[in-house]
Structure formats: C-alpha cells, structure tokens
Amino acid sequence: MSRVIKIQNENTNGHAGYCLDVVDLFLPKAAAGRDKHREFCVSRIRYGYVAMQAALDKMPPMQLDQSDGFVVTAPTLVARIRRWAKSVEES
C-alpha cells in the first residue's frame, strides 16, 4: 500500500497532485493531542476516512520520543484513539 496518494482527474485539469495517506496525517495529529487536532481526528473517524484499526496498525513504526517533540507514550496514544473511536460510535 502506498503512503502517498496521487490525485489526477478532471478537477485537477489533468495535473497530478500528491497527498499523504490520511492515516499518516492522522497519527501525528493524534499524538500531538491539541484540541484542534482532536476535532480533526474525530471527524476523520466519524466520516470514515480513518478506521481505528488502520491507525493502530500503523503505529508500531512511529517514533514517539521527546526529541521529536512528542510527549505521548504509545499506550496513551492507543487509548486516545480508542476513546475517540468510541465517542464516535456512541454519538
């Protein structure tokens, strides 16, 4: 599976655009955990752009150390994603 998506259609006038895979965009925002990122992440789950399991499956290669500015541990991030997915299911 590619981690970059190529978009090229009539809406791009035949030009190619390259975008991050949505889960690759979701994970660092989930790790940051700011309110604005929470809103973004929950909406990706709510509208079906990100499946909880797909996000959890991509987590192992993520480096969550403080040198990269992340202060969240992997278990905390897993719990956060599960909590967000559960809130979507309950609403």
PDB file of N, CA and C in Angstrom:
ATOM      1  N   MET A   1       0.832  -1.171   0.000  1.00  0.00           N
ATOM      2  CA  MET A   1       0.000   0.000   0.000  1.00  0.00           C
ATOM      3  C   MET A   1       0.884   1.244   0.000  1.00  0.00           C
ATOM      4  N   SER A   2       0.563   2.170  -0.858  1.00  0.00           N
ATOM      5  CA  SER A   2       1.320   3.407  -0.941  1.00  0.00           C
ATOM      6  C   SER A   2       0.937   4.335   0.198  1.00  0.00           C
ATOM      7  N   ARG A   3       1.911   5.077   0.689  1.00  0.00           N
ATOM      8  CA  ARG A   3       1.638   6.032   1.755  1.00  0.00           C
ATOM      9  C   ARG A   3       1.444   7.436   1.201  1.00  0.00           C
ATOM     10  N   VAL A   4       1.534   7.549  -0.116  1.00  0.00           N
ATOM     11  CA  VAL A   4       1.259   8.809  -0.799  1.00  0.00           C
ATOM     12  C   VAL A   4       0.198   8.529  -1.850  1.00  0.00           C
ATOM     13  N   ILE A   5      -0.790   9.392  -1.907  1.00  0.00           N
ATOM     14  CA  ILE A   5      -1.895   9.210  -2.842  1.00  0.00           C
ATOM     15  C   ILE A   5      -1.735  10.197  -3.991  1.00  0.00           C
ATOM     16  N   LYS A   6      -1.851   9.692  -5.200  1.00  0.00           N
ATOM     17  CA  LYS A   6      -1.788  10.550  -6.387  1.00  0.00           C
ATOM     18  C   LYS A   6      -3.215  10.873  -6.813  1.00  0.00           C
ATOM     19  N   ILE A   7      -3.478  12.162  -6.984  1.00  0.00           N
ATOM     20  CA  ILE A   7      -4.787  12.603  -7.453  1.00  0.00           C
ATOM     21  C   ILE A   7      -4.592  13.278  -8.805  1.00  0.00           C
ATOM     22  N   GLN A   8      -5.283  12.756  -9.793  1.00  0.00           N
ATOM     23  CA  GLN A   8      -5.199  13.325 -11.143  1.00  0.00           C
ATOM     24  C   GLN A   8      -6.515  13.016 -11.840  1.00  0.00           C
ATOM     25  N   ASN A   9      -7.299  14.068 -12.079  1.00  0.00           N
ATOM     26  CA  ASN A   9      -8.585  13.885 -12.736  1.00  0.00           C
ATOM     27  C   ASN A   9      -9.012  15.200 -13.376  1.00  0.00           C
ATOM     28  N   GLU A  10     -10.271  15.266 -13.809  1.00  0.00           N
ATOM     29  CA  GLU A  10     -10.751  16.484 -14.460  1.00  0.00           C
ATOM     30  C   GLU A  10     -10.745  17.685 -13.505  1.00  0.00           C
ATOM     31  N   ASN A  11     -10.868  17.436 -12.223  1.00  0.00           N
ATOM     32  CA  ASN A  11     -10.840  18.537 -11.252  1.00  0.00           C
ATOM     33  C   ASN A  11      -9.446  19.149 -11.100  1.00  0.00           C
ATOM     34  N   THR A  12      -8.422  18.419 -11.475  1.00  0.00           N
ATOM     35  CA  THR A  12      -7.052  18.940 -11.386  1.00  0.00           C
ATOM     36  C   THR A  12      -6.539  19.370 -12.770  1.00  0.00           C
ATOM     37  N   ASN A  13      -7.465  19.425 -13.744  1.00  0.00           N
ATOM     38  CA  ASN A  13      -7.111  19.780 -15.121  1.00  0.00           C
ATOM     39  C   ASN A  13      -5.999  18.887 -15.665  1.00  0.00           C
ATOM     40  N   GLY A  14      -6.026  17.627 -15.262  1.00  0.00           N
ATOM     41  CA  GLY A  14      -5.037  16.669 -15.745  1.00  0.00           C
ATOM     42  C   GLY A  14      -3.701  16.711 -15.026  1.00  0.00           C
ATOM     43  N   HIS A  15      -3.521  17.675 -14.137  1.00  0.00           N
ATOM     44  CA  HIS A  15      -2.269  17.767 -13.382  1.00  0.00           C
ATOM     45  C   HIS A  15      -2.312  16.791 -12.214  1.00  0.00           C
ATOM     46  N   ALA A  16      -1.154  16.295 -11.848  1.00  0.00           N
ATOM     47  CA  ALA A  16      -1.071  15.351 -10.740  1.00  0.00           C
ATOM     48  C   ALA A  16      -0.791  16.097  -9.439  1.00  0.00           C
ATOM     49  N   GLY A  17      -1.495  15.686  -8.392  1.00  0.00           N
ATOM     50  CA  GLY A  17      -1.238  16.196  -7.050  1.00  0.00           C
ATOM     51  C   GLY A  17      -0.954  15.018  -6.142  1.00  0.00           C
ATOM     52  N   TYR A  18      -0.055  15.184  -5.220  1.00  0.00           N
ATOM     53  CA  TYR A  18       0.314  14.104  -4.313  1.00  0.00           C
ATOM     54  C   TYR A  18      -0.017  14.499  -2.882  1.00  0.00           C
ATOM     55  N   CYS A  19      -0.675  13.600  -2.176  1.00  0.00           N
ATOM     56  CA  CYS A  19      -1.115  13.863  -0.806  1.00  0.00           C
ATOM     57  C   CYS A  19      -0.694  12.714   0.098  1.00  0.00           C
ATOM     58  N   LEU A  20      -0.494  13.039   1.368  1.00  0.00           N
ATOM     59  CA  LEU A  20      -0.218  11.996   2.352  1.00  0.00           C
ATOM     60  C   LEU A  20      -1.429  11.085   2.492  1.00  0.00           C
ATOM     61  N   ASP A  21      -1.181   9.830   2.742  1.00  0.00           N
ATOM     62  CA  ASP A  21      -2.237   8.918   3.128  1.00  0.00           C
ATOM     63  C   ASP A  21      -2.907   9.511   4.366  1.00  0.00           C
ATOM     64  N   VAL A  22      -4.226   9.449   4.458  1.00  0.00           N
ATOM     65  CA  VAL A  22      -4.953  10.101   5.539  1.00  0.00           C
ATOM     66  C   VAL A  22      -4.548   9.584   6.925  1.00  0.00           C
ATOM     67  N   VAL A  23      -4.207   8.303   7.039  1.00  0.00           N
ATOM     68  CA  VAL A  23      -3.781   7.767   8.339  1.00  0.00           C
ATOM     69  C   VAL A  23      -2.420   8.344   8.727  1.00  0.00           C
ATOM     70  N   ASP A  24      -1.554   8.554   7.743  1.00  0.00           N
ATOM     71  CA  ASP A  24      -0.251   9.160   8.032  1.00  0.00           C
ATOM     72  C   ASP A  24      -0.391  10.619   8.476  1.00  0.00           C
ATOM     73  N   LEU A  25      -1.427  11.284   8.057  1.00  0.00           N
ATOM     74  CA  LEU A  25      -1.713  12.639   8.521  1.00  0.00           C
ATOM     75  C   LEU A  25      -2.384  12.606   9.896  1.00  0.00           C
ATOM     76  N   PHE A  26      -3.244  11.629  10.104  1.00  0.00           N
ATOM     77  CA  PHE A  26      -3.998  11.472  11.349  1.00  0.00           C
ATOM     78  C   PHE A  26      -3.094  11.202  12.551  1.00  0.00           C
ATOM     79  N   LEU A  27      -2.132  10.291  12.402  1.00  0.00           N
ATOM     80  CA  LEU A  27      -1.339   9.851  13.555  1.00  0.00           C
ATOM     81  C   LEU A  27      -0.532  10.944  14.243  1.00  0.00           C
ATOM     82  N   PRO A  28       0.205  11.796  13.539  1.00  0.00           N
ATOM     83  CA  PRO A  28       0.929  12.838  14.261  1.00  0.00           C
ATOM     84  C   PRO A  28       0.004  13.855  14.929  1.00  0.00           C
ATOM     85  N   LYS A  29      -1.152  14.093  14.312  1.00  0.00           N
ATOM     86  CA  LYS A  29      -2.118  14.995  14.940  1.00  0.00           C
ATOM     87  C   LYS A  29      -2.689  14.345  16.196  1.00  0.00           C
ATOM     88  N   ALA A  30      -2.946  13.050  16.135  1.00  0.00           N
ATOM     89  CA  ALA A  30      -3.436  12.339  17.319  1.00  0.00           C
ATOM     90  C   ALA A  30      -2.373  12.343  18.423  1.00  0.00           C
ATOM     91  N   ALA A  31      -1.125  12.187  18.038  1.00  0.00           N
ATOM     92  CA  ALA A  31      -0.042  12.197  19.026  1.00  0.00           C
ATOM     93  C   ALA A  31       0.104  13.564  19.678  1.00  0.00           C
ATOM     94  N   ALA A  32      -0.067  14.619  18.895  1.00  0.00           N
ATOM     95  CA  ALA A  32       0.037  15.977  19.445  1.00  0.00           C
ATOM     96  C   ALA A  32      -1.091  16.227  20.435  1.00  0.00           C
ATOM     97  N   GLY A  33      -2.286  15.756  20.103  1.00  0.00           N
ATOM     98  CA  GLY A  33      -3.398  15.791  21.037  1.00  0.00           C
ATOM     99  C   GLY A  33      -3.982  17.159  21.362  1.00  0.00           C
ATOM    100  N   ARG A  34      -3.656  18.179  20.606  1.00  0.00           N
ATOM    101  CA  ARG A  34      -4.237  19.502  20.857  1.00  0.00           C
ATOM    102  C   ARG A  34      -5.732  19.472  20.523  1.00  0.00           C
ATOM    103  N   ASP A  35      -6.497  20.412  21.096  1.00  0.00           N
ATOM    104  CA  ASP A  35      -7.940  20.441  20.839  1.00  0.00           C
ATOM    105  C   ASP A  35      -8.259  20.490  19.356  1.00  0.00           C
ATOM    106  N   LYS A  36      -7.544  21.343  18.611  1.00  0.00           N
ATOM    107  CA  LYS A  36      -7.819  21.450  17.173  1.00  0.00           C
ATOM    108  C   LYS A  36      -7.488  20.143  16.459  1.00  0.00           C
ATOM    109  N   HIS A  37      -6.486  19.420  16.922  1.00  0.00           N
ATOM    110  CA  HIS A  37      -6.141  18.141  16.315  1.00  0.00           C
ATOM    111  C   HIS A  37      -7.169  17.075  16.684  1.00  0.00           C
ATOM    112  N   ARG A  38      -7.683  17.137  17.909  1.00  0.00           N
ATOM    113  CA  ARG A  38      -8.729  16.197  18.327  1.00  0.00           C
ATOM    114  C   ARG A  38      -9.939  16.345  17.414  1.00  0.00           C
ATOM    115  N   GLU A  39     -10.360  17.578  17.160  1.00  0.00           N
ATOM    116  CA  GLU A  39     -11.507  17.809  16.283  1.00  0.00           C
ATOM    117  C   GLU A  39     -11.254  17.239  14.888  1.00  0.00           C
ATOM    118  N   PHE A  40     -10.054  17.456  14.361  1.00  0.00           N
ATOM    119  CA  PHE A  40      -9.691  16.934  13.049  1.00  0.00           C
ATOM    120  C   PHE A  40      -9.756  15.402  13.063  1.00  0.00           C
ATOM    121  N   CYS A  41      -9.125  14.795  14.056  1.00  0.00           N
ATOM    122  CA  CYS A  41      -9.039  13.331  14.114  1.00  0.00           C
ATOM    123  C   CYS A  41     -10.408  12.681  14.297  1.00  0.00           C
ATOM    124  N   VAL A  42     -11.197  13.224  15.203  1.00  0.00           N
ATOM    125  CA  VAL A  42     -12.528  12.654  15.433  1.00  0.00           C
ATOM    126  C   VAL A  42     -13.373  12.758  14.171  1.00  0.00           C
ATOM    127  N   SER A  43     -13.268  13.856  13.453  1.00  0.00           N
ATOM    128  CA  SER A  43     -14.050  13.980  12.213  1.00  0.00           C
ATOM    129  C   SER A  43     -13.575  12.977  11.160  1.00  0.00           C
ATOM    130  N   ARG A  44     -12.274  12.677  11.109  1.00  0.00           N
ATOM    131  CA  ARG A  44     -11.784  11.670  10.151  1.00  0.00           C
ATOM    132  C   ARG A  44     -12.368  10.302  10.485  1.00  0.00           C
ATOM    133  N   ILE A  45     -12.491  10.005  11.770  1.00  0.00           N
ATOM    134  CA  ILE A  45     -13.093   8.726  12.187  1.00  0.00           C
ATOM    135  C   ILE A  45     -14.593   8.746  11.873  1.00  0.00           C
ATOM    136  N   ARG A  46     -15.256   9.829  12.264  1.00  0.00           N
ATOM    137  CA  ARG A  46     -16.712   9.938  12.110  1.00  0.00           C
ATOM    138  C   ARG A  46     -17.144   9.747  10.655  1.00  0.00           C
ATOM    139  N   TYR A  47     -16.417  10.338   9.727  1.00  0.00           N
ATOM    140  CA  TYR A  47     -16.831  10.282   8.329  1.00  0.00           C
ATOM    141  C   TYR A  47     -16.168   9.151   7.547  1.00  0.00           C
ATOM    142  N   GLY A  48     -15.501   8.256   8.256  1.00  0.00           N
ATOM    143  CA  GLY A  48     -14.991   7.040   7.634  1.00  0.00           C
ATOM    144  C   GLY A  48     -13.684   7.159   6.877  1.00  0.00           C
ATOM    145  N   TYR A  49     -12.971   8.264   7.055  1.00  0.00           N
ATOM    146  CA  TYR A  49     -11.685   8.409   6.381  1.00  0.00           C
ATOM    147  C   TYR A  49     -10.583   7.622   7.077  1.00  0.00           C
ATOM    148  N   VAL A  50     -10.756   7.418   8.383  1.00  0.00           N
ATOM    149  CA  VAL A  50      -9.771   6.664   9.163  1.00  0.00           C
ATOM    150  C   VAL A  50     -10.499   5.613   9.980  1.00  0.00           C
ATOM    151  N   ALA A  51     -10.080   4.374   9.849  1.00  0.00           N
ATOM    152  CA  ALA A  51     -10.583   3.295  10.698  1.00  0.00           C
ATOM    153  C   ALA A  51      -9.631   3.147  11.879  1.00  0.00           C
ATOM    154  N   MET A  52     -10.196   2.954  13.059  1.00  0.00           N
ATOM    155  CA  MET A  52      -9.374   2.852  14.255  1.00  0.00           C
ATOM    156  C   MET A  52      -8.273   1.796  14.088  1.00  0.00           C
ATOM    157  N   GLN A  53      -8.624   0.639  13.597  1.00  0.00           N
ATOM    158  CA  GLN A  53      -7.628  -0.433  13.479  1.00  0.00           C
ATOM    159  C   GLN A  53      -6.531  -0.077  12.492  1.00  0.00           C
ATOM    160  N   ALA A  54      -6.872   0.600  11.413  1.00  0.00           N
ATOM    161  CA  ALA A  54      -5.855   1.020  10.440  1.00  0.00           C
ATOM    162  C   ALA A  54      -4.854   1.962  11.090  1.00  0.00           C
ATOM    163  N   ALA A  55      -5.347   2.866  11.923  1.00  0.00           N
ATOM    164  CA  ALA A  55      -4.449   3.784  12.630  1.00  0.00           C
ATOM    165  C   ALA A  55      -3.572   3.024  13.616  1.00  0.00           C
ATOM    166  N   LEU A  56      -4.163   2.116  14.358  1.00  0.00           N
ATOM    167  CA  LEU A  56      -3.387   1.347  15.334  1.00  0.00           C
ATOM    168  C   LEU A  56      -2.357   0.457  14.655  1.00  0.00           C
ATOM    169  N   ASP A  57      -2.689  -0.057  13.487  1.00  0.00           N
ATOM    170  CA  ASP A  57      -1.750  -0.918  12.752  1.00  0.00           C
ATOM    171  C   ASP A  57      -0.519  -0.157  12.271  1.00  0.00           C
ATOM    172  N   LYS A  58      -0.668   1.130  11.994  1.00  0.00           N
ATOM    173  CA  LYS A  58       0.469   1.928  11.511  1.00  0.00           C
ATOM    174  C   LYS A  58       1.307   2.513  12.644  1.00  0.00           C
ATOM    175  N   MET A  59       0.858   2.362  13.870  1.00  0.00           N
ATOM    176  CA  MET A  59       1.581   2.963  14.991  1.00  0.00           C
ATOM    177  C   MET A  59       2.941   2.350  15.295  1.00  0.00           C
ATOM    178  N   PRO A  60       3.140   1.034  15.208  1.00  0.00           N
ATOM    179  CA  PRO A  60       4.434   0.478  15.640  1.00  0.00           C
ATOM    180  C   PRO A  60       5.673   1.152  15.065  1.00  0.00           C
ATOM    181  N   PRO A  61       5.699   1.533  13.780  1.00  0.00           N
ATOM    182  CA  PRO A  61       6.922   2.175  13.295  1.00  0.00           C
ATOM    183  C   PRO A  61       7.070   3.637  13.721  1.00  0.00           C
ATOM    184  N   MET A  62       6.017   4.211  14.301  1.00  0.00           N
ATOM    185  CA  MET A  62       6.100   5.612  14.733  1.00  0.00           C
ATOM    186  C   MET A  62       7.060   5.748  15.899  1.00  0.00           C
ATOM    187  N   GLN A  63       7.870   6.767  15.852  1.00  0.00           N
ATOM    188  CA  GLN A  63       8.762   7.047  16.970  1.00  0.00           C
ATOM    189  C   GLN A  63       8.117   8.124  17.820  1.00  0.00           C
ATOM    190  N   LEU A  64       7.851   7.796  19.065  1.00  0.00           N
ATOM    191  CA  LEU A  64       7.176   8.717  19.963  1.00  0.00           C
ATOM    192  C   LEU A  64       8.116   9.139  21.078  1.00  0.00           C
ATOM    193  N   ASP A  65       9.240   9.716  20.705  1.00  0.00           N
ATOM    194  CA  ASP A  65      10.164  10.145  21.755  1.00  0.00           C
ATOM    195  C   ASP A  65      10.171  11.659  21.863  1.00  0.00           C
ATOM    196  N   GLN A  66      10.631  12.149  22.974  1.00  0.00           N
ATOM    197  CA  GLN A  66      10.576  13.576  23.242  1.00  0.00           C
ATOM    198  C   GLN A  66      11.488  14.392  22.328  1.00  0.00           C
ATOM    199  N   SER A  67      12.482  13.781  21.731  1.00  0.00           N
ATOM    200  CA  SER A  67      13.376  14.539  20.851  1.00  0.00           C
ATOM    201  C   SER A  67      12.646  15.049  19.612  1.00  0.00           C
ATOM    202  N   ASP A  68      11.540  14.385  19.250  1.00  0.00           N
ATOM    203  CA  ASP A  68      10.744  14.822  18.104  1.00  0.00           C
ATOM    204  C   ASP A  68       9.600  15.747  18.529  1.00  0.00           C
ATOM    205  N   GLY A  69       9.573  16.112  19.793  1.00  0.00           N
ATOM    206  CA  GLY A  69       8.527  16.995  20.282  1.00  0.00           C
ATOM    207  C   GLY A  69       7.294  16.280  20.787  1.00  0.00           C
ATOM    208  N   PHE A  70       7.247  14.965  20.679  1.00  0.00           N
ATOM    209  CA  PHE A  70       6.111  14.201  21.182  1.00  0.00           C
ATOM    210  C   PHE A  70       6.346  13.865  22.645  1.00  0.00           C
ATOM    211  N   VAL A  71       5.319  14.029  23.443  1.00  0.00           N
ATOM    212  CA  VAL A  71       5.433  13.684  24.848  1.00  0.00           C
ATOM    213  C   VAL A  71       4.399  12.625  25.232  1.00  0.00           C
ATOM    214  N   VAL A  72       3.848  11.975  24.240  1.00  0.00           N
ATOM    215  CA  VAL A  72       2.848  10.943  24.481  1.00  0.00           C
ATOM    216  C   VAL A  72       3.498   9.572  24.325  1.00  0.00           C
ATOM    217  N   THR A  73       3.086   8.643  25.163  1.00  0.00           N
ATOM    218  CA  THR A  73       3.586   7.275  25.041  1.00  0.00           C
ATOM    219  C   THR A  73       2.665   6.493  24.109  1.00  0.00           C
ATOM    220  N   ALA A  74       3.160   5.384  23.594  1.00  0.00           N
ATOM    221  CA  ALA A  74       2.344   4.559  22.697  1.00  0.00           C
ATOM    222  C   ALA A  74       1.054   4.087  23.378  1.00  0.00           C
ATOM    223  N   PRO A  75       1.105   3.588  24.630  1.00  0.00           N
ATOM    224  CA  PRO A  75      -0.156   3.169  25.271  1.00  0.00           C
ATOM    225  C   PRO A  75      -1.161   4.323  25.429  1.00  0.00           C
ATOM    226  N   THR A  76      -0.652   5.513  25.694  1.00  0.00           N
ATOM    227  CA  THR A  76      -1.541   6.673  25.815  1.00  0.00           C
ATOM    228  C   THR A  76      -2.169   7.005  24.478  1.00  0.00           C
ATOM    229  N   LEU A  77      -1.389   6.929  23.420  1.00  0.00           N
ATOM    230  CA  LEU A  77      -1.906   7.216  22.083  1.00  0.00           C
ATOM    231  C   LEU A  77      -2.947   6.179  21.675  1.00  0.00           C
ATOM    232  N   VAL A  78      -2.688   4.915  21.957  1.00  0.00           N
ATOM    233  CA  VAL A  78      -3.667   3.860  21.655  1.00  0.00           C
ATOM    234  C   VAL A  78      -4.971   4.139  22.394  1.00  0.00           C
ATOM    235  N   ALA A  79      -4.869   4.460  23.671  1.00  0.00           N
ATOM    236  CA  ALA A  79      -6.063   4.748  24.470  1.00  0.00           C
ATOM    237  C   ALA A  79      -6.811   5.952  23.924  1.00  0.00           C
ATOM    238  N   ARG A  80      -6.084   6.973  23.510  1.00  0.00           N
ATOM    239  CA  ARG A  80      -6.698   8.184  22.956  1.00  0.00           C
ATOM    240  C   ARG A  80      -7.479   7.852  21.689  1.00  0.00           C
ATOM    241  N   ILE A  81      -6.872   7.106  20.776  1.00  0.00           N
ATOM    242  CA  ILE A  81      -7.539   6.754  19.514  1.00  0.00           C
ATOM    243  C   ILE A  81      -8.766   5.894  19.790  1.00  0.00           C
ATOM    244  N   ARG A  82      -8.641   4.954  20.689  1.00  0.00           N
ATOM    245  CA  ARG A  82      -9.798   4.101  21.037  1.00  0.00           C
ATOM    246  C   ARG A  82     -10.915   4.924  21.672  1.00  0.00           C
ATOM    247  N   ARG A  83     -10.560   5.857  22.529  1.00  0.00           N
ATOM    248  CA  ARG A  83     -11.551   6.717  23.171  1.00  0.00           C
ATOM    249  C   ARG A  83     -12.278   7.561  22.128  1.00  0.00           C
ATOM    250  N   TRP A  84     -11.540   8.111  21.169  1.00  0.00           N
ATOM    251  CA  TRP A  84     -12.157   8.916  20.120  1.00  0.00           C
ATOM    252  C   TRP A  84     -13.087   8.066  19.263  1.00  0.00           C
ATOM    253  N   ALA A  85     -12.647   6.861  18.911  1.00  0.00           N
ATOM    254  CA  ALA A  85     -13.489   5.974  18.098  1.00  0.00           C
ATOM    255  C   ALA A  85     -14.760   5.598  18.861  1.00  0.00           C
ATOM    256  N   LYS A  86     -14.631   5.355  20.153  1.00  0.00           N
ATOM    257  CA  LYS A  86     -15.796   5.008  20.968  1.00  0.00           C
ATOM    258  C   LYS A  86     -16.761   6.182  21.048  1.00  0.00           C
ATOM    259  N   SER A  87     -16.237   7.400  21.155  1.00  0.00           N
ATOM    260  CA  SER A  87     -17.120   8.571  21.227  1.00  0.00           C
ATOM    261  C   SER A  87     -17.903   8.735  19.923  1.00  0.00           C
ATOM    262  N   VAL A  88     -17.281   8.381  18.809  1.00  0.00           N
ATOM    263  CA  VAL A  88     -17.974   8.447  17.515  1.00  0.00           C
ATOM    264  C   VAL A  88     -19.072   7.398  17.464  1.00  0.00           C
ATOM    265  N   GLU A  89     -18.779   6.200  17.930  1.00  0.00           N
ATOM    266  CA  GLU A  89     -19.787   5.120  17.928  1.00  0.00           C
ATOM    267  C   GLU A  89     -20.978   5.487  18.796  1.00  0.00           C
ATOM    268  N   GLU A  90     -20.726   6.148  19.918  1.00  0.00           N
ATOM    269  CA  GLU A  90     -21.790   6.474  20.855  1.00  0.00           C
ATOM    270  C   GLU A  90     -22.631   7.677  20.436  1.00  0.00           C
ATOM    271  N   SER A  91     -22.110   8.464  19.493  1.00  0.00           N
ATOM    272  CA  SER A  91     -22.872   9.665  19.103  1.00  0.00           C
ATOM    273  C   SER A  91     -23.783   9.408  17.918  1.00  0.00           C
TER     274      SER A  91
END
